[in-house]
Amino acid sequence: MKIVLASKSPRRRELLSNLGLDFEVIESNVEEFSNEKHPSRYVMDLSFNKAMLVAKKLKEEAIVIGADTIVVIEDKVLGKPKDRDEAYIMLKSLQGRVHTVYTGITIVRTKDFKYVSDFEETKVWIKKLQDEEIFNYIDTGECYDKAGAYAIQGFGALIVEKIVGDYFNVVGLPISKLFDILKREFDVRLL
């Protein structure tokens, strides 16, 4: 069965590609807005909107995967920084503290529009950093299209002290949970 990733995230594409999956990417271009207040419901709502929008456009039978990731510290959601100053403020607020990364995933089967939404959460601790280290990290350029302004799979690994939970969730797609749902709910077996 055809698998479609409803995401423009290069990290999600890379994660699925590394597993040898044959899939197509169709960006949802959905407005990332939700009235949900709790982070887990918020990311599931956005992942649902992305997956369902793409699923409704498809004419052939497919499994559509939508995802959304946010970083939360003390009930404040950190999105993607717009500029150097905002990246600095985000990284400064994260350093020396724990925050939570939430990723919502929704899988939709176009044949009958059956869907399942779920989420993963991972605790991440960022090291205490000197301002020079923060600016040097920002100067790598990898912070700009990442929630929370860091990429754990890149130079950001140098500023992460530890994580508790799913590493791939922090990258942007909880692979183990995704494949459990595909197997259990849609009889899609990848191994």
N, C-alpha and C. Protein backbone atom coordinates (compact mmCIF):
# COMPACT_ATOMS: atom_id res chain seq x y z
N MET A 1 0.85 -1.18 0.00
CA MET A 1 0.00 0.00 0.00
C MET A 1 0.89 1.25 0.00
N LYS A 2 0.43 2.25 -0.70
CA LYS A 2 1.17 3.50 -0.80
C LYS A 2 1.19 4.21 0.55
N ILE A 3 2.36 4.73 0.91
CA ILE A 3 2.52 5.51 2.14
C ILE A 3 2.85 6.94 1.75
N VAL A 4 2.16 7.90 2.38
CA VAL A 4 2.36 9.32 2.11
C VAL A 4 2.70 10.02 3.41
N LEU A 5 3.76 10.79 3.38
CA LEU A 5 4.14 11.63 4.51
C LEU A 5 3.63 13.03 4.25
N ALA A 6 2.73 13.50 5.11
CA ALA A 6 2.13 14.83 4.96
C ALA A 6 2.95 15.84 5.76
N SER A 7 4.17 16.08 5.31
CA SER A 7 5.08 16.94 6.07
C SER A 7 6.14 17.52 5.16
N LYS A 8 6.54 18.75 5.44
CA LYS A 8 7.66 19.33 4.72
C LYS A 8 8.97 19.19 5.47
N SER A 9 8.93 18.53 6.63
CA SER A 9 10.11 18.38 7.47
C SER A 9 11.15 17.47 6.83
N PRO A 10 12.34 17.99 6.55
CA PRO A 10 13.38 17.13 6.00
C PRO A 10 13.82 16.06 6.99
N ARG A 11 13.69 16.31 8.28
CA ARG A 11 14.07 15.31 9.27
C ARG A 11 13.12 14.12 9.26
N ARG A 12 11.83 14.37 9.12
CA ARG A 12 10.87 13.26 9.04
C ARG A 12 11.11 12.45 7.77
N ARG A 13 11.36 13.14 6.68
CA ARG A 13 11.68 12.42 5.43
C ARG A 13 12.91 11.54 5.61
N GLU A 14 13.93 12.10 6.24
CA GLU A 14 15.18 11.36 6.43
C GLU A 14 14.97 10.14 7.32
N LEU A 15 14.19 10.29 8.39
CA LEU A 15 13.94 9.17 9.28
C LEU A 15 13.25 8.03 8.55
N LEU A 16 12.24 8.34 7.75
CA LEU A 16 11.54 7.29 7.00
C LEU A 16 12.43 6.70 5.91
N SER A 17 13.20 7.53 5.26
CA SER A 17 14.12 7.05 4.22
C SER A 17 15.17 6.11 4.79
N ASN A 18 15.70 6.44 5.96
CA ASN A 18 16.73 5.61 6.59
C ASN A 18 16.22 4.22 6.92
N LEU A 19 14.91 4.08 7.03
CA LEU A 19 14.31 2.77 7.29
C LEU A 19 14.03 2.01 6.00
N GLY A 20 14.37 2.62 4.87
CA GLY A 20 14.17 1.95 3.59
C GLY A 20 12.74 1.95 3.10
N LEU A 21 11.92 2.82 3.66
CA LEU A 21 10.52 2.87 3.24
C LEU A 21 10.36 3.53 1.88
N ASP A 22 9.43 3.00 1.13
CA ASP A 22 9.05 3.62 -0.14
C ASP A 22 7.83 4.50 0.17
N PHE A 23 8.00 5.80 0.09
CA PHE A 23 6.91 6.71 0.43
C PHE A 23 6.99 7.95 -0.44
N GLU A 24 5.89 8.67 -0.46
CA GLU A 24 5.79 9.92 -1.20
C GLU A 24 5.58 11.04 -0.19
N VAL A 25 6.06 12.21 -0.50
CA VAL A 25 5.86 13.37 0.36
C VAL A 25 4.87 14.32 -0.31
N ILE A 26 3.83 14.66 0.41
CA ILE A 26 2.87 15.68 -0.04
C ILE A 26 2.69 16.65 1.12
N GLU A 27 3.16 17.85 0.94
CA GLU A 27 3.04 18.86 2.00
C GLU A 27 1.59 19.26 2.18
N SER A 28 1.18 19.39 3.43
CA SER A 28 -0.21 19.75 3.71
C SER A 28 -0.43 21.25 3.57
N ASN A 29 0.57 22.04 3.89
CA ASN A 29 0.46 23.50 3.88
C ASN A 29 -0.73 23.99 4.70
N VAL A 30 -1.06 23.24 5.73
CA VAL A 30 -2.17 23.62 6.60
C VAL A 30 -1.69 24.69 7.58
N GLU A 31 -2.61 25.58 7.95
CA GLU A 31 -2.27 26.59 8.96
C GLU A 31 -2.08 25.88 10.29
N GLU A 32 -0.96 26.12 10.94
CA GLU A 32 -0.66 25.45 12.19
C GLU A 32 -1.30 26.20 13.34
N PHE A 33 -2.58 25.91 13.54
CA PHE A 33 -3.36 26.55 14.60
C PHE A 33 -4.28 25.53 15.23
N SER A 34 -4.41 25.61 16.54
CA SER A 34 -5.34 24.74 17.26
C SER A 34 -5.84 25.49 18.48
N ASN A 35 -7.08 25.23 18.84
CA ASN A 35 -7.64 25.79 20.07
C ASN A 35 -7.30 24.95 21.29
N GLU A 36 -6.72 23.78 21.06
CA GLU A 36 -6.36 22.90 22.17
C GLU A 36 -5.30 23.56 23.04
N LYS A 37 -5.45 23.44 24.33
CA LYS A 37 -4.51 24.06 25.26
C LYS A 37 -3.44 23.09 25.75
N HIS A 38 -3.81 21.83 25.98
CA HIS A 38 -2.83 20.87 26.48
C HIS A 38 -1.89 20.47 25.34
N PRO A 39 -0.58 20.46 25.59
CA PRO A 39 0.38 20.18 24.51
C PRO A 39 0.14 18.88 23.76
N SER A 40 -0.23 17.81 24.45
CA SER A 40 -0.45 16.54 23.76
C SER A 40 -1.66 16.62 22.82
N ARG A 41 -2.73 17.24 23.26
CA ARG A 41 -3.91 17.39 22.40
C ARG A 41 -3.63 18.38 21.26
N TYR A 42 -2.84 19.40 21.56
CA TYR A 42 -2.47 20.40 20.55
C TYR A 42 -1.73 19.74 19.38
N VAL A 43 -0.70 18.94 19.68
CA VAL A 43 0.08 18.32 18.59
C VAL A 43 -0.72 17.24 17.88
N MET A 44 -1.59 16.53 18.59
CA MET A 44 -2.44 15.55 17.91
C MET A 44 -3.44 16.24 16.99
N ASP A 45 -3.97 17.37 17.42
CA ASP A 45 -4.91 18.13 16.59
C ASP A 45 -4.22 18.61 15.30
N LEU A 46 -3.02 19.16 15.43
CA LEU A 46 -2.31 19.63 14.25
C LEU A 46 -1.91 18.48 13.34
N SER A 47 -1.47 17.36 13.91
CA SER A 47 -1.10 16.21 13.07
C SER A 47 -2.33 15.67 12.34
N PHE A 48 -3.47 15.67 13.01
CA PHE A 48 -4.73 15.25 12.38
C PHE A 48 -5.07 16.15 11.20
N ASN A 49 -4.99 17.47 11.42
CA ASN A 49 -5.31 18.41 10.34
C ASN A 49 -4.42 18.20 9.13
N LYS A 50 -3.13 17.98 9.35
CA LYS A 50 -2.19 17.78 8.26
C LYS A 50 -2.49 16.49 7.50
N ALA A 51 -2.65 15.40 8.25
CA ALA A 51 -2.89 14.09 7.61
C ALA A 51 -4.22 14.07 6.87
N MET A 52 -5.27 14.58 7.49
CA MET A 52 -6.60 14.51 6.87
C MET A 52 -6.69 15.39 5.63
N LEU A 53 -6.06 16.56 5.66
CA LEU A 53 -6.08 17.44 4.49
C LEU A 53 -5.45 16.74 3.29
N VAL A 54 -4.31 16.10 3.49
CA VAL A 54 -3.65 15.39 2.39
C VAL A 54 -4.46 14.16 1.99
N ALA A 55 -4.99 13.42 2.95
CA ALA A 55 -5.77 12.21 2.65
C ALA A 55 -6.97 12.54 1.77
N LYS A 56 -7.63 13.65 2.02
CA LYS A 56 -8.82 14.03 1.25
C LYS A 56 -8.48 14.43 -0.18
N LYS A 57 -7.24 14.81 -0.43
CA LYS A 57 -6.82 15.19 -1.78
C LYS A 57 -6.47 13.98 -2.66
N LEU A 58 -6.17 12.86 -2.01
CA LEU A 58 -5.71 11.69 -2.75
C LEU A 58 -6.86 10.93 -3.39
N LYS A 59 -6.63 10.44 -4.60
CA LYS A 59 -7.64 9.65 -5.32
C LYS A 59 -7.43 8.16 -5.10
N GLU A 60 -6.17 7.75 -4.87
CA GLU A 60 -5.87 6.33 -4.71
C GLU A 60 -5.78 5.96 -3.23
N GLU A 61 -5.83 4.64 -2.98
CA GLU A 61 -5.73 4.14 -1.61
C GLU A 61 -4.32 4.36 -1.07
N ALA A 62 -4.25 4.86 0.15
CA ALA A 62 -2.94 5.16 0.74
C ALA A 62 -3.07 5.23 2.26
N ILE A 63 -1.93 5.16 2.91
CA ILE A 63 -1.80 5.45 4.33
C ILE A 63 -1.09 6.79 4.42
N VAL A 64 -1.70 7.76 5.09
CA VAL A 64 -1.14 9.11 5.19
C VAL A 64 -0.68 9.33 6.63
N ILE A 65 0.54 9.84 6.78
CA ILE A 65 1.12 10.09 8.09
C ILE A 65 1.30 11.60 8.26
N GLY A 66 0.70 12.15 9.30
CA GLY A 66 0.89 13.55 9.65
C GLY A 66 1.55 13.65 11.01
N ALA A 67 2.35 14.67 11.22
CA ALA A 67 3.04 14.84 12.51
C ALA A 67 3.23 16.32 12.81
N ASP A 68 3.34 16.61 14.09
CA ASP A 68 3.67 17.97 14.52
C ASP A 68 4.44 17.88 15.83
N THR A 69 5.47 18.70 15.96
CA THR A 69 6.34 18.69 17.14
C THR A 69 6.42 20.07 17.76
N ILE A 70 6.34 20.12 19.09
CA ILE A 70 6.53 21.38 19.81
C ILE A 70 7.45 21.14 21.01
N VAL A 71 8.03 22.21 21.49
CA VAL A 71 8.85 22.21 22.70
C VAL A 71 8.10 23.03 23.75
N VAL A 72 8.00 22.48 24.96
CA VAL A 72 7.26 23.16 26.02
C VAL A 72 8.16 23.27 27.25
N ILE A 73 8.24 24.48 27.78
CA ILE A 73 8.95 24.70 29.04
C ILE A 73 8.06 25.56 29.93
N GLU A 74 7.77 25.03 31.12
CA GLU A 74 6.90 25.71 32.09
C GLU A 74 5.62 26.23 31.44
N ASP A 75 4.94 25.36 30.73
CA ASP A 75 3.65 25.64 30.07
C ASP A 75 3.74 26.65 28.93
N LYS A 76 4.95 27.00 28.51
CA LYS A 76 5.12 27.91 27.38
C LYS A 76 5.59 27.11 26.17
N VAL A 77 4.87 27.28 25.06
CA VAL A 77 5.22 26.58 23.82
C VAL A 77 6.26 27.39 23.06
N LEU A 78 7.35 26.71 22.70
CA LEU A 78 8.38 27.33 21.88
C LEU A 78 8.27 26.76 20.47
N GLY A 79 8.05 27.64 19.53
CA GLY A 79 7.99 27.22 18.14
C GLY A 79 9.36 27.34 17.50
N LYS A 80 9.36 27.66 16.22
CA LYS A 80 10.61 27.84 15.48
C LYS A 80 11.01 29.31 15.56
N PRO A 81 12.27 29.59 15.86
CA PRO A 81 12.67 31.00 15.98
C PRO A 81 12.64 31.71 14.62
N LYS A 82 12.21 32.96 14.66
CA LYS A 82 12.12 33.75 13.42
C LYS A 82 13.45 34.39 13.05
N ASP A 83 14.29 34.62 14.05
CA ASP A 83 15.56 35.30 13.79
C ASP A 83 16.57 34.95 14.89
N ARG A 84 17.75 35.53 14.76
CA ARG A 84 18.86 35.27 15.69
C ARG A 84 18.49 35.63 17.13
N ASP A 85 17.84 36.77 17.31
CA ASP A 85 17.47 37.22 18.66
C ASP A 85 16.49 36.24 19.32
N GLU A 86 15.50 35.81 18.55
CA GLU A 86 14.52 34.88 19.10
C GLU A 86 15.17 33.52 19.40
N ALA A 87 16.09 33.07 18.56
CA ALA A 87 16.83 31.83 18.82
C ALA A 87 17.62 31.95 20.12
N TYR A 88 18.27 33.08 20.31
CA TYR A 88 19.04 33.31 21.54
C TYR A 88 18.13 33.25 22.77
N ILE A 89 17.00 33.93 22.70
CA ILE A 89 16.07 33.95 23.83
C ILE A 89 15.58 32.54 24.14
N MET A 90 15.26 31.76 23.12
CA MET A 90 14.79 30.39 23.34
C MET A 90 15.88 29.54 23.99
N LEU A 91 17.07 29.57 23.41
CA LEU A 91 18.16 28.75 23.94
C LEU A 91 18.54 29.18 25.36
N LYS A 92 18.53 30.46 25.61
CA LYS A 92 18.83 30.97 26.96
C LYS A 92 17.78 30.46 27.96
N SER A 93 16.51 30.42 27.53
CA SER A 93 15.45 29.95 28.44
C SER A 93 15.52 28.44 28.67
N LEU A 94 16.07 27.69 27.74
CA LEU A 94 16.15 26.23 27.87
C LEU A 94 17.38 25.77 28.66
N GLN A 95 18.45 26.55 28.60
CA GLN A 95 19.72 26.09 29.18
C GLN A 95 19.64 25.88 30.68
N GLY A 96 20.27 24.77 31.11
CA GLY A 96 20.31 24.45 32.53
C GLY A 96 18.99 23.94 33.09
N ARG A 97 18.03 23.66 32.23
CA ARG A 97 16.70 23.26 32.69
C ARG A 97 16.17 22.10 31.86
N VAL A 98 15.09 21.52 32.34
CA VAL A 98 14.41 20.45 31.61
C VAL A 98 13.22 21.04 30.85
N HIS A 99 12.99 20.52 29.67
CA HIS A 99 11.79 20.87 28.91
C HIS A 99 11.23 19.58 28.30
N THR A 100 10.06 19.68 27.71
CA THR A 100 9.40 18.51 27.14
C THR A 100 9.17 18.73 25.66
N VAL A 101 9.50 17.71 24.87
CA VAL A 101 9.22 17.71 23.44
C VAL A 101 8.01 16.81 23.22
N TYR A 102 6.98 17.36 22.58
CA TYR A 102 5.77 16.61 22.24
C TYR A 102 5.69 16.48 20.73
N THR A 103 5.41 15.27 20.27
CA THR A 103 5.11 15.06 18.85
C THR A 103 3.79 14.31 18.76
N GLY A 104 2.88 14.89 17.99
CA GLY A 104 1.62 14.22 17.69
C GLY A 104 1.75 13.55 16.35
N ILE A 105 1.18 12.35 16.23
CA ILE A 105 1.15 11.66 14.94
C ILE A 105 -0.29 11.22 14.66
N THR A 106 -0.67 11.33 13.40
CA THR A 106 -1.97 10.82 12.95
C THR A 106 -1.73 10.02 11.68
N ILE A 107 -2.34 8.84 11.65
CA ILE A 107 -2.29 7.99 10.47
C ILE A 107 -3.71 7.87 9.96
N VAL A 108 -3.89 8.13 8.64
CA VAL A 108 -5.21 8.06 8.01
C VAL A 108 -5.14 7.06 6.86
N ARG A 109 -6.12 6.16 6.79
CA ARG A 109 -6.26 5.25 5.65
C ARG A 109 -7.32 5.83 4.72
N THR A 110 -6.94 6.13 3.50
CA THR A 110 -7.86 6.83 2.59
C THR A 110 -9.03 5.97 2.14
N LYS A 111 -8.89 4.65 2.18
CA LYS A 111 -9.97 3.75 1.74
C LYS A 111 -11.26 4.03 2.49
N ASP A 112 -11.15 4.21 3.81
CA ASP A 112 -12.34 4.40 4.65
C ASP A 112 -12.21 5.57 5.62
N PHE A 113 -11.09 6.29 5.52
CA PHE A 113 -10.78 7.43 6.38
C PHE A 113 -10.71 7.06 7.86
N LYS A 114 -10.39 5.79 8.11
CA LYS A 114 -10.07 5.40 9.48
C LYS A 114 -8.80 6.14 9.86
N TYR A 115 -8.77 6.65 11.09
CA TYR A 115 -7.56 7.33 11.55
C TYR A 115 -7.28 7.00 13.01
N VAL A 116 -6.01 7.13 13.34
CA VAL A 116 -5.57 6.98 14.72
C VAL A 116 -4.60 8.13 15.00
N SER A 117 -4.83 8.81 16.12
CA SER A 117 -3.93 9.87 16.57
C SER A 117 -3.33 9.47 17.91
N ASP A 118 -2.08 9.82 18.10
CA ASP A 118 -1.39 9.54 19.35
C ASP A 118 -0.28 10.57 19.51
N PHE A 119 0.43 10.50 20.62
CA PHE A 119 1.53 11.44 20.84
C PHE A 119 2.63 10.76 21.63
N GLU A 120 3.78 11.38 21.60
CA GLU A 120 4.93 10.94 22.40
C GLU A 120 5.48 12.18 23.09
N GLU A 121 5.99 11.99 24.29
CA GLU A 121 6.65 13.10 24.99
C GLU A 121 8.00 12.63 25.51
N THR A 122 8.97 13.52 25.42
CA THR A 122 10.34 13.22 25.83
C THR A 122 10.87 14.40 26.63
N LYS A 123 11.51 14.10 27.73
CA LYS A 123 12.14 15.12 28.56
C LYS A 123 13.57 15.35 28.06
N VAL A 124 13.95 16.62 27.95
CA VAL A 124 15.29 16.98 27.46
C VAL A 124 15.89 18.01 28.40
N TRP A 125 17.15 17.80 28.76
CA TRP A 125 17.90 18.76 29.57
C TRP A 125 18.98 19.38 28.69
N ILE A 126 19.02 20.72 28.65
CA ILE A 126 20.05 21.45 27.91
C ILE A 126 21.10 21.90 28.93
N LYS A 127 22.36 21.77 28.57
CA LYS A 127 23.46 22.16 29.46
C LYS A 127 23.43 23.66 29.76
N LYS A 128 24.05 24.04 30.85
CA LYS A 128 24.29 25.47 31.10
C LYS A 128 25.31 25.93 30.08
N LEU A 129 25.05 27.04 29.44
CA LEU A 129 25.89 27.51 28.34
C LEU A 129 26.35 28.94 28.56
N GLN A 130 27.52 29.24 28.06
CA GLN A 130 28.01 30.62 28.01
C GLN A 130 27.31 31.29 26.81
N ASP A 131 27.14 32.61 26.88
CA ASP A 131 26.54 33.32 25.75
C ASP A 131 27.31 33.05 24.46
N GLU A 132 28.62 32.98 24.55
CA GLU A 132 29.44 32.72 23.36
C GLU A 132 29.08 31.36 22.74
N GLU A 133 28.83 30.37 23.59
CA GLU A 133 28.45 29.04 23.09
C GLU A 133 27.08 29.09 22.41
N ILE A 134 26.17 29.84 23.00
CA ILE A 134 24.83 29.98 22.40
C ILE A 134 24.95 30.63 21.03
N PHE A 135 25.69 31.72 20.94
CA PHE A 135 25.83 32.39 19.64
C PHE A 135 26.59 31.53 18.63
N ASN A 136 27.59 30.80 19.09
CA ASN A 136 28.31 29.90 18.18
C ASN A 136 27.37 28.82 17.64
N TYR A 137 26.50 28.32 18.50
CA TYR A 137 25.52 27.33 18.04
C TYR A 137 24.55 27.97 17.04
N ILE A 138 24.05 29.14 17.35
CA ILE A 138 23.13 29.83 16.44
C ILE A 138 23.81 30.04 15.08
N ASP A 139 25.10 30.37 15.11
CA ASP A 139 25.84 30.61 13.86
C ASP A 139 25.98 29.37 12.98
N THR A 140 25.71 28.18 13.52
CA THR A 140 25.72 26.98 12.67
C THR A 140 24.55 27.02 11.69
N GLY A 141 23.51 27.80 12.04
CA GLY A 141 22.35 27.94 11.18
C GLY A 141 21.30 26.85 11.32
N GLU A 142 21.59 25.81 12.09
CA GLU A 142 20.64 24.70 12.14
C GLU A 142 19.45 24.96 13.07
N CYS A 143 19.46 26.06 13.79
CA CYS A 143 18.41 26.31 14.78
C CYS A 143 17.13 26.89 14.18
N TYR A 144 17.17 27.40 12.97
CA TYR A 144 16.08 28.23 12.49
C TYR A 144 14.81 27.50 12.08
N ASP A 145 14.88 26.26 11.70
CA ASP A 145 13.64 25.57 11.33
C ASP A 145 13.32 24.45 12.31
N LYS A 146 13.71 24.66 13.58
CA LYS A 146 13.49 23.65 14.61
C LYS A 146 12.72 24.26 15.79
N ALA A 147 11.71 23.53 16.25
CA ALA A 147 11.01 23.94 17.47
C ALA A 147 12.01 23.96 18.62
N GLY A 148 12.02 25.05 19.37
CA GLY A 148 12.96 25.18 20.48
C GLY A 148 14.34 25.63 20.09
N ALA A 149 14.60 25.80 18.80
CA ALA A 149 15.85 26.37 18.28
C ALA A 149 17.07 25.46 18.42
N TYR A 150 16.84 24.13 18.47
CA TYR A 150 18.00 23.24 18.46
C TYR A 150 17.68 21.95 17.71
N ALA A 151 18.71 21.31 17.20
CA ALA A 151 18.59 20.06 16.47
C ALA A 151 19.44 19.01 17.17
N ILE A 152 18.80 18.11 17.88
CA ILE A 152 19.53 17.10 18.65
C ILE A 152 20.37 16.20 17.75
N GLN A 153 19.97 16.05 16.50
CA GLN A 153 20.69 15.16 15.58
C GLN A 153 21.86 15.87 14.89
N GLY A 154 22.08 17.13 15.20
CA GLY A 154 23.18 17.89 14.61
C GLY A 154 24.11 18.42 15.69
N PHE A 155 24.56 19.67 15.48
CA PHE A 155 25.41 20.31 16.48
C PHE A 155 24.70 20.46 17.83
N GLY A 156 23.37 20.44 17.80
CA GLY A 156 22.59 20.53 19.03
C GLY A 156 22.89 19.41 20.01
N ALA A 157 23.39 18.29 19.51
CA ALA A 157 23.78 17.19 20.40
C ALA A 157 24.84 17.65 21.40
N LEU A 158 25.62 18.65 21.02
CA LEU A 158 26.68 19.15 21.89
C LEU A 158 26.15 19.95 23.08
N ILE A 159 24.91 20.44 22.98
CA ILE A 159 24.35 21.24 24.06
C ILE A 159 23.32 20.48 24.90
N VAL A 160 22.97 19.27 24.46
CA VAL A 160 22.01 18.46 25.21
C VAL A 160 22.75 17.66 26.29
N GLU A 161 22.30 17.81 27.53
CA GLU A 161 22.91 17.08 28.63
C GLU A 161 22.40 15.65 28.70
N LYS A 162 21.06 15.48 28.62
CA LYS A 162 20.47 14.14 28.62
C LYS A 162 19.03 14.21 28.15
N ILE A 163 18.51 13.02 27.79
CA ILE A 163 17.09 12.92 27.46
C ILE A 163 16.53 11.71 28.19
N VAL A 164 15.24 11.77 28.47
CA VAL A 164 14.51 10.63 29.00
C VAL A 164 13.31 10.44 28.09
N GLY A 165 13.35 9.35 27.34
CA GLY A 165 12.28 9.07 26.39
C GLY A 165 12.84 8.76 25.02
N ASP A 166 12.04 9.00 24.02
CA ASP A 166 12.32 8.60 22.65
C ASP A 166 13.16 9.67 21.93
N TYR A 167 14.39 9.31 21.58
CA TYR A 167 15.29 10.21 20.84
C TYR A 167 14.64 10.68 19.54
N PHE A 168 14.03 9.74 18.79
CA PHE A 168 13.46 10.10 17.49
C PHE A 168 12.28 11.05 17.63
N ASN A 169 11.62 11.03 18.79
CA ASN A 169 10.58 12.02 19.05
C ASN A 169 11.16 13.42 19.04
N VAL A 170 12.34 13.59 19.63
CA VAL A 170 12.99 14.90 19.68
C VAL A 170 13.40 15.33 18.26
N VAL A 171 13.77 14.38 17.43
CA VAL A 171 14.11 14.68 16.04
C VAL A 171 12.86 15.10 15.27
N GLY A 172 11.69 14.55 15.64
CA GLY A 172 10.45 14.98 15.00
C GLY A 172 9.49 13.88 14.59
N LEU A 173 9.83 12.60 14.86
CA LEU A 173 8.91 11.52 14.50
C LEU A 173 9.20 10.30 15.37
N PRO A 174 8.29 9.98 16.30
CA PRO A 174 8.50 8.82 17.16
C PRO A 174 8.30 7.52 16.38
N ILE A 175 9.38 7.05 15.79
CA ILE A 175 9.35 5.92 14.86
C ILE A 175 8.72 4.67 15.47
N SER A 176 9.12 4.30 16.67
CA SER A 176 8.61 3.08 17.29
C SER A 176 7.10 3.15 17.47
N LYS A 177 6.60 4.25 17.98
CA LYS A 177 5.15 4.41 18.16
C LYS A 177 4.43 4.39 16.82
N LEU A 178 5.00 5.06 15.83
CA LEU A 178 4.41 5.09 14.50
C LEU A 178 4.24 3.68 13.95
N PHE A 179 5.30 2.87 14.02
CA PHE A 179 5.23 1.54 13.45
C PHE A 179 4.35 0.60 14.26
N ASP A 180 4.27 0.82 15.58
CA ASP A 180 3.32 0.03 16.38
C ASP A 180 1.89 0.30 15.94
N ILE A 181 1.55 1.55 15.70
CA ILE A 181 0.20 1.91 15.25
C ILE A 181 -0.07 1.36 13.86
N LEU A 182 0.89 1.50 12.95
CA LEU A 182 0.71 0.97 11.60
C LEU A 182 0.43 -0.53 11.63
N LYS A 183 1.16 -1.25 12.45
CA LYS A 183 1.00 -2.70 12.55
C LYS A 183 -0.32 -3.07 13.22
N ARG A 184 -0.58 -2.48 14.39
CA ARG A 184 -1.74 -2.84 15.20
C ARG A 184 -3.06 -2.40 14.58
N GLU A 185 -3.11 -1.18 14.07
CA GLU A 185 -4.38 -0.60 13.62
C GLU A 185 -4.65 -0.73 12.12
N PHE A 186 -3.57 -0.85 11.32
CA PHE A 186 -3.75 -0.84 9.87
C PHE A 186 -3.16 -2.07 9.19
N ASP A 187 -2.63 -3.00 9.98
CA ASP A 187 -2.02 -4.23 9.47
C ASP A 187 -0.94 -3.94 8.43
N VAL A 188 -0.23 -2.84 8.62
CA VAL A 188 0.91 -2.50 7.76
C VAL A 188 2.16 -2.97 8.50
N ARG A 189 2.85 -3.93 7.91
CA ARG A 189 4.03 -4.53 8.55
C ARG A 189 5.27 -4.11 7.77
N LEU A 190 6.19 -3.57 8.49
CA LEU A 190 7.41 -3.06 7.86
C LEU A 190 8.61 -3.95 8.14
N LEU A 191 8.46 -4.91 9.02
CA LEU A 191 9.52 -5.89 9.29
C LEU A 191 8.99 -7.28 9.01
